[in-house]
Amino acid sequence: MEIKPGVQVVDKNGKVVGPVTHMARDGWSGELKKVIVNRKPPESDFFFTPDDVLEATDTVIRLKITFDE
């Protein structure tokens, strides 16, 4: 699973959260720790971990959780 900036994120109900804007990696291992979707105000930014990902393709990332969780 390769998560890249710009890929659309969709929750388990099909709601579009937005595109991946940043990724936080462990400084020593390079392991991906968090993925960030920046959203326009008044919406808050959305953070998720690789463990929250159900499926990732080149065009979409489907989450195991809903956006509201």
N, C-alpha and C. Protein backbone atom coordinates (compact mmCIF):
# COMPACT_ATOMS: atom_id res chain seq x y z
N MET A 1 0.85 -1.18 0.00
CA MET A 1 0.00 0.00 0.00
C MET A 1 0.89 1.24 0.00
N GLU A 2 0.78 2.03 -1.02
CA GLU A 2 1.56 3.26 -1.13
C GLU A 2 0.59 4.45 -1.09
N ILE A 3 0.67 5.22 -0.03
CA ILE A 3 -0.17 6.41 0.10
C ILE A 3 0.63 7.60 -0.39
N LYS A 4 0.02 8.38 -1.28
CA LYS A 4 0.71 9.52 -1.87
C LYS A 4 -0.13 10.79 -1.73
N PRO A 5 0.51 11.95 -1.67
CA PRO A 5 -0.24 13.22 -1.64
C PRO A 5 -1.13 13.37 -2.89
N GLY A 6 -2.32 13.93 -2.67
CA GLY A 6 -3.24 14.19 -3.77
C GLY A 6 -4.29 13.12 -3.96
N VAL A 7 -4.11 11.94 -3.37
CA VAL A 7 -5.07 10.86 -3.52
C VAL A 7 -6.30 11.15 -2.66
N GLN A 8 -7.49 10.94 -3.22
CA GLN A 8 -8.74 11.21 -2.50
C GLN A 8 -8.94 10.19 -1.37
N VAL A 9 -9.44 10.68 -0.24
CA VAL A 9 -9.74 9.83 0.91
C VAL A 9 -11.26 9.75 1.05
N VAL A 10 -11.76 8.52 1.21
CA VAL A 10 -13.19 8.27 1.34
C VAL A 10 -13.40 7.42 2.59
N ASP A 11 -14.41 7.78 3.41
CA ASP A 11 -14.67 6.98 4.62
C ASP A 11 -15.44 5.71 4.26
N LYS A 12 -15.74 4.88 5.26
CA LYS A 12 -16.36 3.58 4.98
C LYS A 12 -17.78 3.71 4.43
N ASN A 13 -18.42 4.87 4.61
CA ASN A 13 -19.76 5.11 4.07
C ASN A 13 -19.73 5.75 2.69
N GLY A 14 -18.54 5.99 2.15
CA GLY A 14 -18.42 6.59 0.82
C GLY A 14 -18.34 8.11 0.82
N LYS A 15 -18.33 8.73 1.98
CA LYS A 15 -18.24 10.19 2.07
C LYS A 15 -16.81 10.63 1.75
N VAL A 16 -16.68 11.58 0.82
CA VAL A 16 -15.36 12.09 0.44
C VAL A 16 -14.86 13.02 1.53
N VAL A 17 -13.68 12.70 2.08
CA VAL A 17 -13.07 13.51 3.13
C VAL A 17 -12.22 14.61 2.51
N GLY A 18 -11.50 14.29 1.43
CA GLY A 18 -10.64 15.23 0.74
C GLY A 18 -9.36 14.54 0.31
N PRO A 19 -8.45 15.28 -0.32
CA PRO A 19 -7.19 14.69 -0.78
C PRO A 19 -6.13 14.68 0.32
N VAL A 20 -5.24 13.71 0.28
CA VAL A 20 -4.09 13.66 1.19
C VAL A 20 -3.22 14.88 0.91
N THR A 21 -2.87 15.62 1.97
CA THR A 21 -2.01 16.80 1.79
C THR A 21 -0.64 16.64 2.43
N HIS A 22 -0.57 15.90 3.52
CA HIS A 22 0.71 15.70 4.21
C HIS A 22 0.79 14.28 4.78
N MET A 23 2.02 13.83 4.97
CA MET A 23 2.24 12.54 5.61
C MET A 23 3.33 12.70 6.65
N ALA A 24 3.13 12.16 7.83
CA ALA A 24 4.12 12.23 8.91
C ALA A 24 4.79 10.87 9.03
N ARG A 25 6.11 10.86 8.93
CA ARG A 25 6.88 9.62 9.02
C ARG A 25 7.77 9.62 10.24
N ASP A 26 8.10 8.43 10.72
CA ASP A 26 9.05 8.27 11.80
C ASP A 26 10.42 8.70 11.29
N GLY A 27 11.10 9.56 12.05
CA GLY A 27 12.39 10.10 11.62
C GLY A 27 13.49 9.07 11.52
N TRP A 28 13.40 8.00 12.29
CA TRP A 28 14.45 6.98 12.27
C TRP A 28 14.17 5.89 11.24
N SER A 29 12.95 5.38 11.26
CA SER A 29 12.65 4.23 10.39
C SER A 29 12.06 4.62 9.05
N GLY A 30 11.48 5.82 8.95
CA GLY A 30 10.80 6.23 7.72
C GLY A 30 9.40 5.67 7.61
N GLU A 31 8.97 4.93 8.63
CA GLU A 31 7.64 4.34 8.64
C GLU A 31 6.56 5.42 8.69
N LEU A 32 5.53 5.26 7.89
CA LEU A 32 4.41 6.20 7.86
C LEU A 32 3.62 6.09 9.15
N LYS A 33 3.45 7.22 9.86
CA LYS A 33 2.74 7.23 11.14
C LYS A 33 1.35 7.84 11.03
N LYS A 34 1.22 8.98 10.33
CA LYS A 34 -0.06 9.66 10.19
C LYS A 34 -0.19 10.24 8.79
N VAL A 35 -1.44 10.32 8.37
CA VAL A 35 -1.77 10.94 7.09
C VAL A 35 -2.72 12.09 7.40
N ILE A 36 -2.51 13.22 6.72
CA ILE A 36 -3.28 14.43 7.03
C ILE A 36 -4.03 14.90 5.79
N VAL A 37 -5.30 15.22 5.99
CA VAL A 37 -6.13 15.82 4.95
C VAL A 37 -6.45 17.23 5.43
N ASN A 38 -5.85 18.24 4.81
CA ASN A 38 -6.17 19.63 5.17
C ASN A 38 -7.51 19.99 4.55
N ARG A 39 -8.38 20.58 5.37
CA ARG A 39 -9.70 20.97 4.90
C ARG A 39 -9.87 22.47 5.09
N LYS A 40 -10.70 23.07 4.26
CA LYS A 40 -10.92 24.51 4.33
C LYS A 40 -11.77 24.87 5.54
N PRO A 41 -11.46 26.00 6.19
CA PRO A 41 -12.27 26.45 7.33
C PRO A 41 -13.72 26.64 6.90
N PRO A 42 -14.66 26.35 7.73
CA PRO A 42 -14.58 26.07 9.15
C PRO A 42 -14.34 24.59 9.48
N GLU A 43 -14.17 23.76 8.46
CA GLU A 43 -13.91 22.34 8.68
C GLU A 43 -12.53 22.15 9.30
N SER A 44 -12.39 21.17 10.19
CA SER A 44 -11.09 20.90 10.79
C SER A 44 -10.34 19.87 9.95
N ASP A 45 -9.02 19.90 10.07
CA ASP A 45 -8.19 18.94 9.36
C ASP A 45 -8.50 17.54 9.87
N PHE A 46 -8.25 16.55 9.03
CA PHE A 46 -8.55 15.16 9.35
C PHE A 46 -7.26 14.35 9.36
N PHE A 47 -7.02 13.63 10.44
CA PHE A 47 -5.83 12.81 10.59
C PHE A 47 -6.24 11.35 10.66
N PHE A 48 -5.46 10.47 10.04
CA PHE A 48 -5.68 9.04 10.20
C PHE A 48 -4.35 8.31 10.10
N THR A 49 -4.33 7.07 10.60
CA THR A 49 -3.12 6.26 10.58
C THR A 49 -3.25 5.19 9.50
N PRO A 50 -2.15 4.57 9.11
CA PRO A 50 -2.23 3.48 8.13
C PRO A 50 -3.13 2.33 8.60
N ASP A 51 -3.27 2.14 9.91
CA ASP A 51 -4.15 1.09 10.44
C ASP A 51 -5.62 1.36 10.14
N ASP A 52 -5.98 2.62 9.85
CA ASP A 52 -7.36 2.99 9.55
C ASP A 52 -7.73 2.73 8.09
N VAL A 53 -6.75 2.34 7.26
CA VAL A 53 -6.98 2.17 5.83
C VAL A 53 -7.49 0.77 5.52
N LEU A 54 -8.62 0.70 4.83
CA LEU A 54 -9.19 -0.57 4.39
C LEU A 54 -8.58 -0.97 3.05
N GLU A 55 -8.48 0.01 2.13
CA GLU A 55 -7.99 -0.26 0.78
C GLU A 55 -7.35 1.02 0.24
N ALA A 56 -6.23 0.87 -0.44
CA ALA A 56 -5.56 2.02 -1.06
C ALA A 56 -5.19 1.67 -2.49
N THR A 57 -5.63 2.52 -3.43
CA THR A 57 -5.25 2.38 -4.83
C THR A 57 -4.56 3.66 -5.25
N ASP A 58 -4.24 3.77 -6.52
CA ASP A 58 -3.59 4.98 -7.03
C ASP A 58 -4.52 6.19 -7.03
N THR A 59 -5.84 5.95 -6.97
CA THR A 59 -6.79 7.05 -7.08
C THR A 59 -7.63 7.31 -5.84
N VAL A 60 -7.74 6.31 -4.94
CA VAL A 60 -8.61 6.48 -3.77
C VAL A 60 -8.08 5.67 -2.58
N ILE A 61 -8.30 6.22 -1.39
CA ILE A 61 -8.00 5.53 -0.14
C ILE A 61 -9.32 5.36 0.59
N ARG A 62 -9.71 4.12 0.86
CA ARG A 62 -10.93 3.83 1.59
C ARG A 62 -10.57 3.51 3.04
N LEU A 63 -11.27 4.15 3.95
CA LEU A 63 -11.00 3.98 5.38
C LEU A 63 -11.93 2.94 6.00
N LYS A 64 -11.49 2.35 7.11
CA LYS A 64 -12.30 1.41 7.89
C LYS A 64 -13.26 2.15 8.82
N ILE A 65 -13.08 3.46 8.96
CA ILE A 65 -13.86 4.26 9.88
C ILE A 65 -14.71 5.26 9.13
N THR A 66 -15.68 5.84 9.83
CA THR A 66 -16.45 6.94 9.24
C THR A 66 -15.78 8.24 9.57
N PHE A 67 -16.07 9.25 8.82
CA PHE A 67 -15.48 10.57 9.03
C PHE A 67 -15.84 11.13 10.40
N ASP A 68 -17.01 10.77 10.90
CA ASP A 68 -17.49 11.30 12.18
C ASP A 68 -16.85 10.64 13.40
N GLU A 69 -16.19 9.50 13.24
CA GLU A 69 -15.61 8.79 14.38
C GLU A 69 -14.45 9.54 14.90
